[in-house]
PDB file of N, CA and C in Angstrom:
ATOM      1  N   UNK A   1       0.824  -1.199   0.000  1.00  0.00           N
ATOM      2  CA  UNK A   1       0.000   0.000   0.000  1.00  0.00           C
ATOM      3  C   UNK A   1       0.867   1.262   0.000  1.00  0.00           C
ATOM      4  N   UNK A   2       2.039   1.177   0.610  1.00  0.00           N
ATOM      5  CA  UNK A   2       2.930   2.328   0.679  1.00  0.00           C
ATOM      6  C   UNK A   2       3.341   2.790  -0.717  1.00  0.00           C
ATOM      7  N   UNK A   3       3.651   1.849  -1.606  1.00  0.00           N
ATOM      8  CA  UNK A   3       4.055   2.220  -2.967  1.00  0.00           C
ATOM      9  C   UNK A   3       2.929   2.930  -3.713  1.00  0.00           C
ATOM     10  N   UNK A   4       1.680   2.499  -3.505  1.00  0.00           N
ATOM     11  CA  UNK A   4       0.549   3.166  -4.146  1.00  0.00           C
ATOM     12  C   UNK A   4       0.443   4.621  -3.675  1.00  0.00           C
ATOM     13  N   UNK A   5       0.682   4.842  -2.400  1.00  0.00           N
ATOM     14  CA  UNK A   5       0.638   6.195  -1.846  1.00  0.00           C
ATOM     15  C   UNK A   5       1.754   7.045  -2.433  1.00  0.00           C
ATOM     16  N   UNK A   6       2.961   6.454  -2.542  1.00  0.00           N
ATOM     17  CA  UNK A   6       4.095   7.180  -3.115  1.00  0.00           C
ATOM     18  C   UNK A   6       3.825   7.552  -4.575  1.00  0.00           C
ATOM     19  N   UNK A   7       3.269   6.624  -5.328  1.00  0.00           N
ATOM     20  CA  UNK A   7       2.949   6.892  -6.739  1.00  0.00           C
ATOM     21  C   UNK A   7       1.872   7.971  -6.835  1.00  0.00           C
ATOM     22  N   UNK A   8       0.866   7.860  -5.985  1.00  0.00           N
ATOM     23  CA  UNK A   8      -0.235   8.831  -5.976  1.00  0.00           C
ATOM     24  C   UNK A   8       0.279  10.252  -5.727  1.00  0.00           C
ATOM     25  N   UNK A   9       1.080  10.418  -4.695  1.00  0.00           N
ATOM     26  CA  UNK A   9       1.604  11.745  -4.348  1.00  0.00           C
ATOM     27  C   UNK A   9       2.556  12.242  -5.440  1.00  0.00           C
ATOM     28  N   UNK A  10       3.465  11.366  -5.885  1.00  0.00           N
ATOM     29  CA  UNK A  10       4.407  11.752  -6.936  1.00  0.00           C
ATOM     30  C   UNK A  10       3.713  12.144  -8.224  1.00  0.00           C
ATOM     31  N   UNK A  11       2.705  11.373  -8.628  1.00  0.00           N
ATOM     32  CA  UNK A  11       1.976  11.668  -9.863  1.00  0.00           C
ATOM     33  C   UNK A  11       1.233  12.998  -9.759  1.00  0.00           C
ATOM     34  N   UNK A  12       0.693  13.272  -8.594  1.00  0.00           N
ATOM     35  CA  UNK A  12       0.020  14.554  -8.395  1.00  0.00           C
ATOM     36  C   UNK A  12       0.979  15.720  -8.538  1.00  0.00           C
ATOM     37  N   UNK A  13       2.145  15.602  -7.937  1.00  0.00           N
ATOM     38  CA  UNK A  13       3.150  16.670  -8.040  1.00  0.00           C
ATOM     39  C   UNK A  13       3.665  16.795  -9.472  1.00  0.00           C
ATOM     40  N   UNK A  14       3.908  15.669 -10.123  1.00  0.00           N
ATOM     41  CA  UNK A  14       4.364  15.689 -11.512  1.00  0.00           C
ATOM     42  C   UNK A  14       3.319  16.293 -12.433  1.00  0.00           C
ATOM     43  N   UNK A  15       2.062  15.952 -12.209  1.00  0.00           N
ATOM     44  CA  UNK A  15       0.976  16.506 -13.010  1.00  0.00           C
ATOM     45  C   UNK A  15       0.838  18.009 -12.811  1.00  0.00           C
ATOM     46  N   UNK A  16       1.025  18.464 -11.591  1.00  0.00           N
ATOM     47  CA  UNK A  16       0.973  19.905 -11.331  1.00  0.00           C
ATOM     48  C   UNK A  16       2.105  20.621 -12.062  1.00  0.00           C
ATOM     49  N   UNK A  17       3.307  20.044 -12.033  1.00  0.00           N
ATOM     50  CA  UNK A  17       4.432  20.647 -12.746  1.00  0.00           C
ATOM     51  C   UNK A  17       4.181  20.653 -14.245  1.00  0.00           C
ATOM     52  N   UNK A  18       3.600  19.575 -14.742  1.00  0.00           N
ATOM     53  CA  UNK A  18       3.281  19.511 -16.178  1.00  0.00           C
ATOM     54  C   UNK A  18       2.345  20.651 -16.567  1.00  0.00           C
ATOM     55  N   UNK A  19       1.311  20.856 -15.806  1.00  0.00           N
ATOM     56  CA  UNK A  19       0.345  21.916 -16.090  1.00  0.00           C
ATOM     57  C   UNK A  19       1.010  23.282 -16.036  1.00  0.00           C
ATOM     58  N   UNK A  20       1.779  23.533 -14.983  1.00  0.00           N
ATOM     59  CA  UNK A  20       2.446  24.823 -14.832  1.00  0.00           C
ATOM     60  C   UNK A  20       3.451  25.055 -15.949  1.00  0.00           C
ATOM     61  N   UNK A  21       4.297  24.065 -16.215  1.00  0.00           N
ATOM     62  CA  UNK A  21       5.357  24.216 -17.202  1.00  0.00           C
ATOM     63  C   UNK A  21       4.785  24.399 -18.604  1.00  0.00           C
ATOM     64  N   UNK A  22       3.761  23.627 -18.938  1.00  0.00           N
ATOM     65  CA  UNK A  22       3.139  23.777 -20.256  1.00  0.00           C
ATOM     66  C   UNK A  22       2.569  25.178 -20.422  1.00  0.00           C
ATOM     67  N   UNK A  23       1.918  25.681 -19.402  1.00  0.00           N
ATOM     68  CA  UNK A  23       1.358  27.038 -19.466  1.00  0.00           C
ATOM     69  C   UNK A  23       2.468  28.079 -19.557  1.00  0.00           C
ATOM     70  N   UNK A  24       3.525  27.884 -18.805  1.00  0.00           N
ATOM     71  CA  UNK A  24       4.650  28.821 -18.777  1.00  0.00           C
ATOM     72  C   UNK A  24       5.332  28.915 -20.137  1.00  0.00           C
ATOM     73  N   UNK A  25       5.542  27.784 -20.780  1.00  0.00           N
ATOM     74  CA  UNK A  25       6.219  27.745 -22.081  1.00  0.00           C
ATOM     75  C   UNK A  25       5.467  28.582 -23.106  1.00  0.00           C
ATOM     76  N   UNK A  26       4.141  28.517 -23.070  1.00  0.00           N
ATOM     77  CA  UNK A  26       3.353  29.239 -24.067  1.00  0.00           C
ATOM     78  C   UNK A  26       3.312  30.741 -23.835  1.00  0.00           C
ATOM     79  N   UNK A  27       3.893  31.209 -22.753  1.00  0.00           N
ATOM     80  CA  UNK A  27       4.048  32.651 -22.564  1.00  0.00           C
ATOM     81  C   UNK A  27       5.163  33.188 -23.463  1.00  0.00           C
ATOM     82  N   UNK A  28       6.046  32.281 -23.912  1.00  0.00           N
ATOM     83  CA  UNK A  28       7.207  32.684 -24.690  1.00  0.00           C
ATOM     84  C   UNK A  28       7.239  32.111 -26.108  1.00  0.00           C
ATOM     85  N   UNK A  29       6.499  31.035 -26.336  1.00  0.00           N
ATOM     86  CA  UNK A  29       6.523  30.377 -27.640  1.00  0.00           C
ATOM     87  C   UNK A  29       5.121  30.311 -28.229  1.00  0.00           C
ATOM     88  N   UNK A  30       5.019  30.299 -29.552  1.00  0.00           N
ATOM     89  CA  UNK A  30       3.696  30.243 -30.174  1.00  0.00           C
ATOM     90  C   UNK A  30       2.987  28.920 -29.904  1.00  0.00           C
ATOM     91  N   UNK A  31       1.670  28.950 -29.994  1.00  0.00           N
ATOM     92  CA  UNK A  31       0.880  27.766 -29.723  1.00  0.00           C
ATOM     93  C   UNK A  31       0.586  26.948 -30.979  1.00  0.00           C
ATOM     94  N   UNK A  32       1.322  27.187 -32.055  1.00  0.00           N
ATOM     95  CA  UNK A  32       1.102  26.438 -33.291  1.00  0.00           C
ATOM     96  C   UNK A  32       1.840  25.098 -33.303  1.00  0.00           C
ATOM     97  N   UNK A  33       2.586  24.812 -32.250  1.00  0.00           N
ATOM     98  CA  UNK A  33       3.295  23.542 -32.085  1.00  0.00           C
ATOM     99  C   UNK A  33       3.222  23.189 -30.608  1.00  0.00           C
ATOM    100  N   UNK A  34       3.113  21.894 -30.259  1.00  0.00           N
ATOM    101  CA  UNK A  34       2.965  21.519 -28.839  1.00  0.00           C
ATOM    102  C   UNK A  34       4.270  21.629 -28.041  1.00  0.00           C
ATOM    103  N   UNK A  35       4.774  22.865 -27.939  1.00  0.00           N
ATOM    104  CA  UNK A  35       6.026  23.090 -27.198  1.00  0.00           C
ATOM    105  C   UNK A  35       5.890  22.734 -25.724  1.00  0.00           C
ATOM    106  N   UNK A  36       4.715  22.944 -25.158  1.00  0.00           N
ATOM    107  CA  UNK A  36       4.513  22.608 -23.743  1.00  0.00           C
ATOM    108  C   UNK A  36       4.672  21.124 -23.498  1.00  0.00           C
ATOM    109  N   UNK A  37       4.036  20.318 -24.319  1.00  0.00           N
ATOM    110  CA  UNK A  37       4.151  18.859 -24.196  1.00  0.00           C
ATOM    111  C   UNK A  37       5.582  18.424 -24.466  1.00  0.00           C
ATOM    112  N   UNK A  38       6.178  18.974 -25.511  1.00  0.00           N
ATOM    113  CA  UNK A  38       7.563  18.623 -25.824  1.00  0.00           C
ATOM    114  C   UNK A  38       8.482  18.965 -24.661  1.00  0.00           C
ATOM    115  N   UNK A  39       8.277  20.115 -24.042  1.00  0.00           N
ATOM    116  CA  UNK A  39       9.149  20.522 -22.938  1.00  0.00           C
ATOM    117  C   UNK A  39       9.028  19.586 -21.740  1.00  0.00           C
ATOM    118  N   UNK A  40       7.800  19.178 -21.392  1.00  0.00           N
ATOM    119  CA  UNK A  40       7.668  18.272 -20.246  1.00  0.00           C
ATOM    120  C   UNK A  40       8.177  16.873 -20.600  1.00  0.00           C
ATOM    121  N   UNK A  41       8.018  16.450 -21.856  1.00  0.00           N
ATOM    122  CA  UNK A  41       8.568  15.158 -22.262  1.00  0.00           C
ATOM    123  C   UNK A  41      10.086  15.168 -22.196  1.00  0.00           C
ATOM    124  N   UNK A  42      10.698  16.260 -22.616  1.00  0.00           N
ATOM    125  CA  UNK A  42      12.157  16.368 -22.543  1.00  0.00           C
ATOM    126  C   UNK A  42      12.609  16.383 -21.089  1.00  0.00           C
ATOM    127  N   UNK A  43      11.956  17.182 -20.259  1.00  0.00           N
ATOM    128  CA  UNK A  43      12.315  17.254 -18.841  1.00  0.00           C
ATOM    129  C   UNK A  43      12.124  15.898 -18.162  1.00  0.00           C
ATOM    130  N   UNK A  44      10.990  15.259 -18.397  1.00  0.00           N
ATOM    131  CA  UNK A  44      10.726  13.961 -17.775  1.00  0.00           C
ATOM    132  C   UNK A  44      11.736  12.904 -18.190  1.00  0.00           C
ATOM    133  N   UNK A  45      12.113  12.904 -19.466  1.00  0.00           N
ATOM    134  CA  UNK A  45      13.107  11.940 -19.951  1.00  0.00           C
ATOM    135  C   UNK A  45      14.468  12.213 -19.329  1.00  0.00           C
ATOM    136  N   UNK A  46      14.824  13.479 -19.215  1.00  0.00           N
ATOM    137  CA  UNK A  46      16.093  13.847 -18.573  1.00  0.00           C
ATOM    138  C   UNK A  46      16.103  13.401 -17.112  1.00  0.00           C
ATOM    139  N   UNK A  47      15.018  13.679 -16.406  1.00  0.00           N
ATOM    140  CA  UNK A  47      14.951  13.322 -14.985  1.00  0.00           C
ATOM    141  C   UNK A  47      14.991  11.811 -14.763  1.00  0.00           C
ATOM    142  N   UNK A  48      14.224  11.052 -15.547  1.00  0.00           N
ATOM    143  CA  UNK A  48      14.220   9.612 -15.335  1.00  0.00           C
ATOM    144  C   UNK A  48      15.584   9.019 -15.681  1.00  0.00           C
ATOM    145  N   UNK A  49      16.285   9.633 -16.643  1.00  0.00           N
ATOM    146  CA  UNK A  49      17.640   9.199 -16.959  1.00  0.00           C
ATOM    147  C   UNK A  49      18.577   9.403 -15.779  1.00  0.00           C
ATOM    148  N   UNK A  50      18.532  10.588 -15.176  1.00  0.00           N
ATOM    149  CA  UNK A  50      19.372  10.849 -14.003  1.00  0.00           C
ATOM    150  C   UNK A  50      19.027   9.918 -12.849  1.00  0.00           C
ATOM    151  N   UNK A  51      17.744   9.761 -12.618  1.00  0.00           N
ATOM    152  CA  UNK A  51      17.295   8.936 -11.492  1.00  0.00           C
ATOM    153  C   UNK A  51      17.739   7.486 -11.669  1.00  0.00           C
ATOM    154  N   UNK A  52      17.483   6.927 -12.844  1.00  0.00           N
ATOM    155  CA  UNK A  52      17.769   5.499 -13.054  1.00  0.00           C
ATOM    156  C   UNK A  52      19.234   5.224 -13.367  1.00  0.00           C
ATOM    157  N   UNK A  53      19.846   6.052 -14.208  1.00  0.00           N
ATOM    158  CA  UNK A  53      21.222   5.770 -14.621  1.00  0.00           C
ATOM    159  C   UNK A  53      22.259   6.287 -13.649  1.00  0.00           C
ATOM    160  N   UNK A  54      21.938   7.256 -12.822  1.00  0.00           N
ATOM    161  CA  UNK A  54      22.911   7.750 -11.854  1.00  0.00           C
ATOM    162  C   UNK A  54      22.539   7.349 -10.435  1.00  0.00           C
ATOM    163  N   UNK A  55      21.410   7.866  -9.962  1.00  0.00           N
ATOM    164  CA  UNK A  55      21.044   7.634  -8.569  1.00  0.00           C
ATOM    165  C   UNK A  55      20.746   6.167  -8.266  1.00  0.00           C
ATOM    166  N   UNK A  56      19.992   5.504  -9.137  1.00  0.00           N
ATOM    167  CA  UNK A  56      19.637   4.106  -8.882  1.00  0.00           C
ATOM    168  C   UNK A  56      20.836   3.180  -9.073  1.00  0.00           C
ATOM    169  N   UNK A  57      21.552   3.335 -10.196  1.00  0.00           N
ATOM    170  CA  UNK A  57      22.678   2.440 -10.463  1.00  0.00           C
ATOM    171  C   UNK A  57      23.799   2.617  -9.452  1.00  0.00           C
ATOM    172  N   UNK A  58      23.934   3.800  -8.856  1.00  0.00           N
ATOM    173  CA  UNK A  58      24.952   4.031  -7.829  1.00  0.00           C
ATOM    174  C   UNK A  58      24.407   3.818  -6.426  1.00  0.00           C
ATOM    175  N   UNK A  59      23.193   3.280  -6.355  1.00  0.00           N
ATOM    176  CA  UNK A  59      22.543   2.962  -5.089  1.00  0.00           C
ATOM    177  C   UNK A  59      22.474   4.165  -4.136  1.00  0.00           C
ATOM    178  N   UNK A  60      22.139   5.308  -4.710  1.00  0.00           N
ATOM    179  CA  UNK A  60      22.023   6.534  -3.925  1.00  0.00           C
ATOM    180  C   UNK A  60      20.603   6.790  -3.455  1.00  0.00           C
ATOM    181  N   UNK A  61      19.655   6.002  -3.974  1.00  0.00           N
ATOM    182  CA  UNK A  61      18.272   6.115  -3.530  1.00  0.00           C
ATOM    183  C   UNK A  61      17.719   4.727  -3.262  1.00  0.00           C
ATOM    184  N   UNK A  62      16.770   4.657  -2.365  1.00  0.00           N
ATOM    185  CA  UNK A  62      16.146   3.367  -2.055  1.00  0.00           C
ATOM    186  C   UNK A  62      14.987   3.108  -3.020  1.00  0.00           C
ATOM    187  N   UNK A  63      14.488   1.882  -3.059  1.00  0.00           N
ATOM    188  CA  UNK A  63      13.409   1.548  -4.009  1.00  0.00           C
ATOM    189  C   UNK A  63      12.147   2.396  -3.840  1.00  0.00           C
ATOM    190  N   UNK A  64      11.838   2.809  -2.622  1.00  0.00           N
ATOM    191  CA  UNK A  64      10.643   3.618  -2.409  1.00  0.00           C
ATOM    192  C   UNK A  64      10.792   5.006  -3.040  1.00  0.00           C
ATOM    193  N   UNK A  65      11.947   5.618  -2.859  1.00  0.00           N
ATOM    194  CA  UNK A  65      12.188   6.938  -3.454  1.00  0.00           C
ATOM    195  C   UNK A  65      12.222   6.822  -4.975  1.00  0.00           C
ATOM    196  N   UNK A  66      12.813   5.730  -5.482  1.00  0.00           N
ATOM    197  CA  UNK A  66      12.836   5.499  -6.929  1.00  0.00           C
ATOM    198  C   UNK A  66      11.406   5.380  -7.466  1.00  0.00           C
ATOM    199  N   UNK A  67      10.558   4.644  -6.776  1.00  0.00           N
ATOM    200  CA  UNK A  67       9.154   4.505  -7.179  1.00  0.00           C
ATOM    201  C   UNK A  67       8.454   5.858  -7.177  1.00  0.00           C
ATOM    202  N   UNK A  68       8.656   6.626  -6.114  1.00  0.00           N
ATOM    203  CA  UNK A  68       8.060   7.959  -6.005  1.00  0.00           C
ATOM    204  C   UNK A  68       8.493   8.852  -7.174  1.00  0.00           C
ATOM    205  N   UNK A  69       9.797   8.859  -7.463  1.00  0.00           N
ATOM    206  CA  UNK A  69      10.330   9.757  -8.487  1.00  0.00           C
ATOM    207  C   UNK A  69      10.034   9.297  -9.915  1.00  0.00           C
ATOM    208  N   UNK A  70      10.152   7.990 -10.182  1.00  0.00           N
ATOM    209  CA  UNK A  70      10.008   7.520 -11.565  1.00  0.00           C
ATOM    210  C   UNK A  70       8.551   7.262 -11.929  1.00  0.00           C
ATOM    211  N   UNK A  71       7.940   6.293 -11.281  1.00  0.00           N
ATOM    212  CA  UNK A  71       6.557   5.943 -11.619  1.00  0.00           C
ATOM    213  C   UNK A  71       5.618   7.073 -11.219  1.00  0.00           C
ATOM    214  N   UNK A  72       5.855   7.661 -10.053  1.00  0.00           N
ATOM    215  CA  UNK A  72       4.995   8.733  -9.570  1.00  0.00           C
ATOM    216  C   UNK A  72       5.255  10.052 -10.261  1.00  0.00           C
ATOM    217  N   UNK A  73       6.337  10.725  -9.872  1.00  0.00           N
ATOM    218  CA  UNK A  73       6.593  12.081 -10.359  1.00  0.00           C
ATOM    219  C   UNK A  73       6.792  12.140 -11.868  1.00  0.00           C
ATOM    220  N   UNK A  74       7.723  11.350 -12.402  1.00  0.00           N
ATOM    221  CA  UNK A  74       7.957  11.381 -13.855  1.00  0.00           C
ATOM    222  C   UNK A  74       6.754  10.847 -14.618  1.00  0.00           C
ATOM    223  N   UNK A  75       6.083   9.867 -14.055  1.00  0.00           N
ATOM    224  CA  UNK A  75       4.874   9.351 -14.698  1.00  0.00           C
ATOM    225  C   UNK A  75       3.766  10.386 -14.737  1.00  0.00           C
ATOM    226  N   UNK A  76       3.643  11.186 -13.674  1.00  0.00           N
ATOM    227  CA  UNK A  76       2.658  12.261 -13.663  1.00  0.00           C
ATOM    228  C   UNK A  76       3.068  13.405 -14.575  1.00  0.00           C
ATOM    229  N   UNK A  77       4.361  13.649 -14.629  1.00  0.00           N
ATOM    230  CA  UNK A  77       4.878  14.686 -15.508  1.00  0.00           C
ATOM    231  C   UNK A  77       4.703  14.268 -16.962  1.00  0.00           C
ATOM    232  N   UNK A  78       5.061  13.020 -17.255  1.00  0.00           N
ATOM    233  CA  UNK A  78       4.936  12.495 -18.610  1.00  0.00           C
ATOM    234  C   UNK A  78       5.211  11.002 -18.631  1.00  0.00           C
ATOM    235  N   UNK A  79       4.386  10.234 -19.309  1.00  0.00           N
ATOM    236  CA  UNK A  79       4.697   8.814 -19.480  1.00  0.00           C
ATOM    237  C   UNK A  79       5.759   8.619 -20.545  1.00  0.00           C
ATOM    238  N   UNK A  80       6.039   9.666 -21.289  1.00  0.00           N
ATOM    239  CA  UNK A  80       7.073   9.595 -22.305  1.00  0.00           C
ATOM    240  C   UNK A  80       8.438   9.308 -21.694  1.00  0.00           C
ATOM    241  N   UNK A  81       8.638   9.715 -20.446  1.00  0.00           N
ATOM    242  CA  UNK A  81       9.918   9.474 -19.784  1.00  0.00           C
ATOM    243  C   UNK A  81      10.171   7.985 -19.608  1.00  0.00           C
ATOM    244  N   UNK A  82       9.154   7.219 -19.271  1.00  0.00           N
ATOM    245  CA  UNK A  82       9.307   5.774 -19.126  1.00  0.00           C
ATOM    246  C   UNK A  82       9.617   5.139 -20.469  1.00  0.00           C
ATOM    247  N   UNK A  83       8.900   5.551 -21.499  1.00  0.00           N
ATOM    248  CA  UNK A  83       9.171   5.063 -22.855  1.00  0.00           C
ATOM    249  C   UNK A  83      10.620   5.347 -23.240  1.00  0.00           C
ATOM    250  N   UNK A  84      11.093   6.548 -22.965  1.00  0.00           N
ATOM    251  CA  UNK A  84      12.467   6.917 -23.313  1.00  0.00           C
ATOM    252  C   UNK A  84      13.477   6.082 -22.547  1.00  0.00           C
ATOM    253  N   UNK A  85      13.232   5.897 -21.262  1.00  0.00           N
ATOM    254  CA  UNK A  85      14.140   5.093 -20.441  1.00  0.00           C
ATOM    255  C   UNK A  85      14.210   3.663 -20.949  1.00  0.00           C
ATOM    256  N   UNK A  86      13.072   3.072 -21.222  1.00  0.00           N
ATOM    257  CA  UNK A  86      13.053   1.678 -21.691  1.00  0.00           C
ATOM    258  C   UNK A  86      13.752   1.543 -23.036  1.00  0.00           C
ATOM    259  N   UNK A  87      13.571   2.520 -23.917  1.00  0.00           N
ATOM    260  CA  UNK A  87      14.223   2.472 -25.225  1.00  0.00           C
ATOM    261  C   UNK A  87      15.736   2.609 -25.085  1.00  0.00           C
ATOM    262  N   UNK A  88      16.190   3.541 -24.278  1.00  0.00           N
ATOM    263  CA  UNK A  88      17.633   3.717 -24.080  1.00  0.00           C
ATOM    264  C   UNK A  88      18.242   2.494 -23.414  1.00  0.00           C
ATOM    265  N   UNK A  89      17.531   1.888 -22.492  1.00  0.00           N
ATOM    266  CA  UNK A  89      18.020   0.663 -21.853  1.00  0.00           C
ATOM    267  C   UNK A  89      18.212  -0.435 -22.890  1.00  0.00           C
ATOM    268  N   UNK A  90      17.258  -0.576 -23.811  1.00  0.00           N
ATOM    269  CA  UNK A  90      17.394  -1.576 -24.880  1.00  0.00           C
ATOM    270  C   UNK A  90      18.587  -1.251 -25.775  1.00  0.00           C
ATOM    271  N   UNK A  91      18.769   0.020 -26.107  1.00  0.00           N
ATOM    272  CA  UNK A  91      19.917   0.409 -26.927  1.00  0.00           C
ATOM    273  C   UNK A  91      21.228   0.158 -26.187  1.00  0.00           C
ATOM    274  N   UNK A  92      21.251   0.480 -24.905  1.00  0.00           N
ATOM    275  CA  UNK A  92      22.437   0.253 -24.078  1.00  0.00           C
ATOM    276  C   UNK A  92      22.782  -1.236 -24.036  1.00  0.00           C
ATOM    277  N   UNK A  93      21.746  -2.067 -24.010  1.00  0.00           N
ATOM    278  CA  UNK A  93      21.925  -3.525 -23.987  1.00  0.00           C
ATOM    279  C   UNK A  93      22.096  -4.101 -25.393  1.00  0.00           C
ATOM    280  N   UNK A  94      22.212  -3.225 -26.387  1.00  0.00           N
ATOM    281  CA  UNK A  94      22.436  -3.611 -27.781  1.00  0.00           C
ATOM    282  C   UNK A  94      21.270  -4.411 -28.367  1.00  0.00           C
ATOM    283  N   UNK A  95      20.085  -4.144 -27.863  1.00  0.00           N
ATOM    284  CA  UNK A  95      18.858  -4.757 -28.371  1.00  0.00           C
ATOM    285  C   UNK A  95      18.249  -3.802 -29.396  1.00  0.00           C
ATOM    286  N   UNK A  96      18.935  -3.606 -30.497  1.00  0.00           N
ATOM    287  CA  UNK A  96      18.549  -2.599 -31.479  1.00  0.00           C
ATOM    288  C   UNK A  96      17.199  -2.892 -32.124  1.00  0.00           C
ATOM    289  N   UNK A  97      16.937  -4.137 -32.392  1.00  0.00           N
ATOM    290  CA  UNK A  97      15.658  -4.494 -32.997  1.00  0.00           C
ATOM    291  C   UNK A  97      14.509  -4.142 -32.066  1.00  0.00           C
ATOM    292  N   UNK A  98      14.611  -4.556 -30.792  1.00  0.00           N
ATOM    293  CA  UNK A  98      13.536  -4.280 -29.843  1.00  0.00           C
ATOM    294  C   UNK A  98      13.407  -2.782 -29.568  1.00  0.00           C
ATOM    295  N   UNK A  99      14.511  -2.069 -29.529  1.00  0.00           N
ATOM    296  CA  UNK A  99      14.450  -0.619 -29.337  1.00  0.00           C
ATOM    297  C   UNK A  99      13.718   0.034 -30.507  1.00  0.00           C
ATOM    298  N   UNK A 100      14.052  -0.384 -31.712  1.00  0.00           N
ATOM    299  CA  UNK A 100      13.385   0.157 -32.905  1.00  0.00           C
ATOM    300  C   UNK A 100      11.899  -0.173 -32.902  1.00  0.00           C
ATOM    301  N   UNK A 101      11.581  -1.403 -32.553  1.00  0.00           N
ATOM    302  CA  UNK A 101      10.176  -1.804 -32.492  1.00  0.00           C
ATOM    303  C   UNK A 101       9.430  -1.022 -31.412  1.00  0.00           C
ATOM    304  N   UNK A 102      10.089  -0.766 -30.294  1.00  0.00           N
ATOM    305  CA  UNK A 102       9.471   0.010 -29.220  1.00  0.00           C
ATOM    306  C   UNK A 102       9.158   1.427 -29.698  1.00  0.00           C
ATOM    307  N   UNK A 103      10.096   2.034 -30.404  1.00  0.00           N
ATOM    308  CA  UNK A 103       9.884   3.383 -30.931  1.00  0.00           C
ATOM    309  C   UNK A 103       8.729   3.384 -31.930  1.00  0.00           C
ATOM    310  N   UNK A 104       8.809   2.492 -32.903  1.00  0.00           N
ATOM    311  CA  UNK A 104       7.772   2.442 -33.935  1.00  0.00           C
ATOM    312  C   UNK A 104       6.400   2.124 -33.351  1.00  0.00           C
ATOM    313  N   UNK A 105       6.360   1.129 -32.484  1.00  0.00           N
ATOM    314  CA  UNK A 105       5.078   0.707 -31.916  1.00  0.00           C
ATOM    315  C   UNK A 105       4.457   1.820 -31.067  1.00  0.00           C
ATOM    316  N   UNK A 106       5.251   2.426 -30.202  1.00  0.00           N
ATOM    317  CA  UNK A 106       4.710   3.475 -29.339  1.00  0.00           C
ATOM    318  C   UNK A 106       4.247   4.687 -30.127  1.00  0.00           C
ATOM    319  N   UNK A 107       5.054   5.132 -31.058  1.00  0.00           N
ATOM    320  CA  UNK A 107       4.692   6.326 -31.807  1.00  0.00           C
ATOM    321  C   UNK A 107       3.547   6.033 -32.769  1.00  0.00           C
ATOM    322  N   UNK A 108       3.703   5.002 -33.584  1.00  0.00           N
ATOM    323  CA  UNK A 108       2.686   4.727 -34.601  1.00  0.00           C
ATOM    324  C   UNK A 108       1.362   4.254 -34.001  1.00  0.00           C
ATOM    325  N   UNK A 109       1.429   3.310 -33.068  1.00  0.00           N
ATOM    326  CA  UNK A 109       0.186   2.767 -32.519  1.00  0.00           C
ATOM    327  C   UNK A 109      -0.593   3.795 -31.711  1.00  0.00           C
ATOM    328  N   UNK A 110       0.117   4.621 -30.963  1.00  0.00           N
ATOM    329  CA  UNK A 110      -0.615   5.635 -30.202  1.00  0.00           C
ATOM    330  C   UNK A 110      -1.263   6.655 -31.136  1.00  0.00           C
ATOM    331  N   UNK A 111      -0.582   6.990 -32.226  1.00  0.00           N
ATOM    332  CA  UNK A 111      -1.186   7.892 -33.199  1.00  0.00           C
ATOM    333  C   UNK A 111      -2.379   7.237 -33.893  1.00  0.00           C
ATOM    334  N   UNK A 112      -2.239   5.957 -34.233  1.00  0.00           N
ATOM    335  CA  UNK A 112      -3.333   5.236 -34.899  1.00  0.00           C
ATOM    336  C   UNK A 112      -4.556   5.162 -33.997  1.00  0.00           C
ATOM    337  N   UNK A 113      -4.371   4.765 -32.733  1.00  0.00           N
ATOM    338  CA  UNK A 113      -5.543   4.632 -31.856  1.00  0.00           C
ATOM    339  C   UNK A 113      -6.151   5.989 -31.528  1.00  0.00           C
ATOM    340  N   UNK A 114      -5.326   7.021 -31.455  1.00  0.00           N
ATOM    341  CA  UNK A 114      -5.866   8.359 -31.254  1.00  0.00           C
ATOM    342  C   UNK A 114      -6.709   8.765 -32.456  1.00  0.00           C
ATOM    343  N   UNK A 115      -6.241   8.467 -33.651  1.00  0.00           N
ATOM    344  CA  UNK A 115      -7.001   8.767 -34.859  1.00  0.00           C
ATOM    345  C   UNK A 115      -8.306   7.978 -34.888  1.00  0.00           C
ATOM    346  N   UNK A 116      -8.246   6.705 -34.487  1.00  0.00           N
ATOM    347  CA  UNK A 116      -9.458   5.876 -34.430  1.00  0.00           C
ATOM    348  C   UNK A 116     -10.458   6.464 -33.438  1.00  0.00           C
ATOM    349  N   UNK A 117      -9.983   6.865 -32.273  1.00  0.00           N
ATOM    350  CA  UNK A 117     -10.897   7.446 -31.284  1.00  0.00           C
ATOM    351  C   UNK A 117     -11.472   8.769 -31.787  1.00  0.00           C
ATOM    352  N   UNK A 118     -10.680   9.516 -32.532  1.00  0.00           N
ATOM    353  CA  UNK A 118     -11.173  10.750 -33.149  1.00  0.00           C
ATOM    354  C   UNK A 118     -12.305  10.434 -34.125  1.00  0.00           C
ATOM    355  N   UNK A 119     -12.099   9.430 -34.975  1.00  0.00           N
ATOM    356  CA  UNK A 119     -13.123   9.048 -35.949  1.00  0.00           C
ATOM    357  C   UNK A 119     -14.390   8.538 -35.256  1.00  0.00           C
ATOM    358  N   UNK A 120     -14.220   7.734 -34.225  1.00  0.00           N
ATOM    359  CA  UNK A 120     -15.373   7.231 -33.468  1.00  0.00           C
ATOM    360  C   UNK A 120     -16.131   8.401 -32.856  1.00  0.00           C
ATOM    361  N   UNK A 121     -15.398   9.360 -32.311  1.00  0.00           N
ATOM    362  CA  UNK A 121     -16.034  10.525 -31.707  1.00  0.00           C
ATOM    363  C   UNK A 121     -16.839  11.310 -32.725  1.00  0.00           C
ATOM    364  N   UNK A 122     -16.302  11.428 -33.929  1.00  0.00           N
ATOM    365  CA  UNK A 122     -17.018  12.140 -34.988  1.00  0.00           C
ATOM    366  C   UNK A 122     -18.301  11.416 -35.359  1.00  0.00           C
ATOM    367  N   UNK A 123     -18.246  10.075 -35.414  1.00  0.00           N
ATOM    368  CA  UNK A 123     -19.417   9.293 -35.748  1.00  0.00           C
ATOM    369  C   UNK A 123     -20.485   9.411 -34.660  1.00  0.00           C
ATOM    370  N   UNK A 124     -20.050   9.411 -33.412  1.00  0.00           N
ATOM    371  CA  UNK A 124     -20.974   9.491 -32.286  1.00  0.00           C
ATOM    372  C   UNK A 124     -21.544  10.896 -32.085  1.00  0.00           C
ATOM    373  N   UNK A 125     -20.900  11.893 -32.632  1.00  0.00           N
ATOM    374  CA  UNK A 125     -21.374  13.282 -32.447  1.00  0.00           C
ATOM    375  C   UNK A 125     -22.554  13.608 -33.315  1.00  0.00           C
TER     376      UNK A 125
END
């Protein structure tokens, strides 16, 4: 139950940062491109990289803090960070085929299902 609480709190904080940061970015950049989403995806990927490749691998954080920061905070900030971490891990392990498939599957399939849901919504409207 403790891990669920850590994820809950972390995701809430990450989600709040996502909302604030996305809004902040658009004060300086045009809204014709999703710079807010891109910025939180970049930040989340950077953070999960530091957490997992530095703090976790050097045993500087315990599993509970790792859960709070990665699944909770970075997950609330962006799920793209987990995708990025898993892809880099596959590349680091020289699993080039699986890394490529992960990239293609995540990007293409999420776009396809989003398009399908868009079409369904249009039909239902």
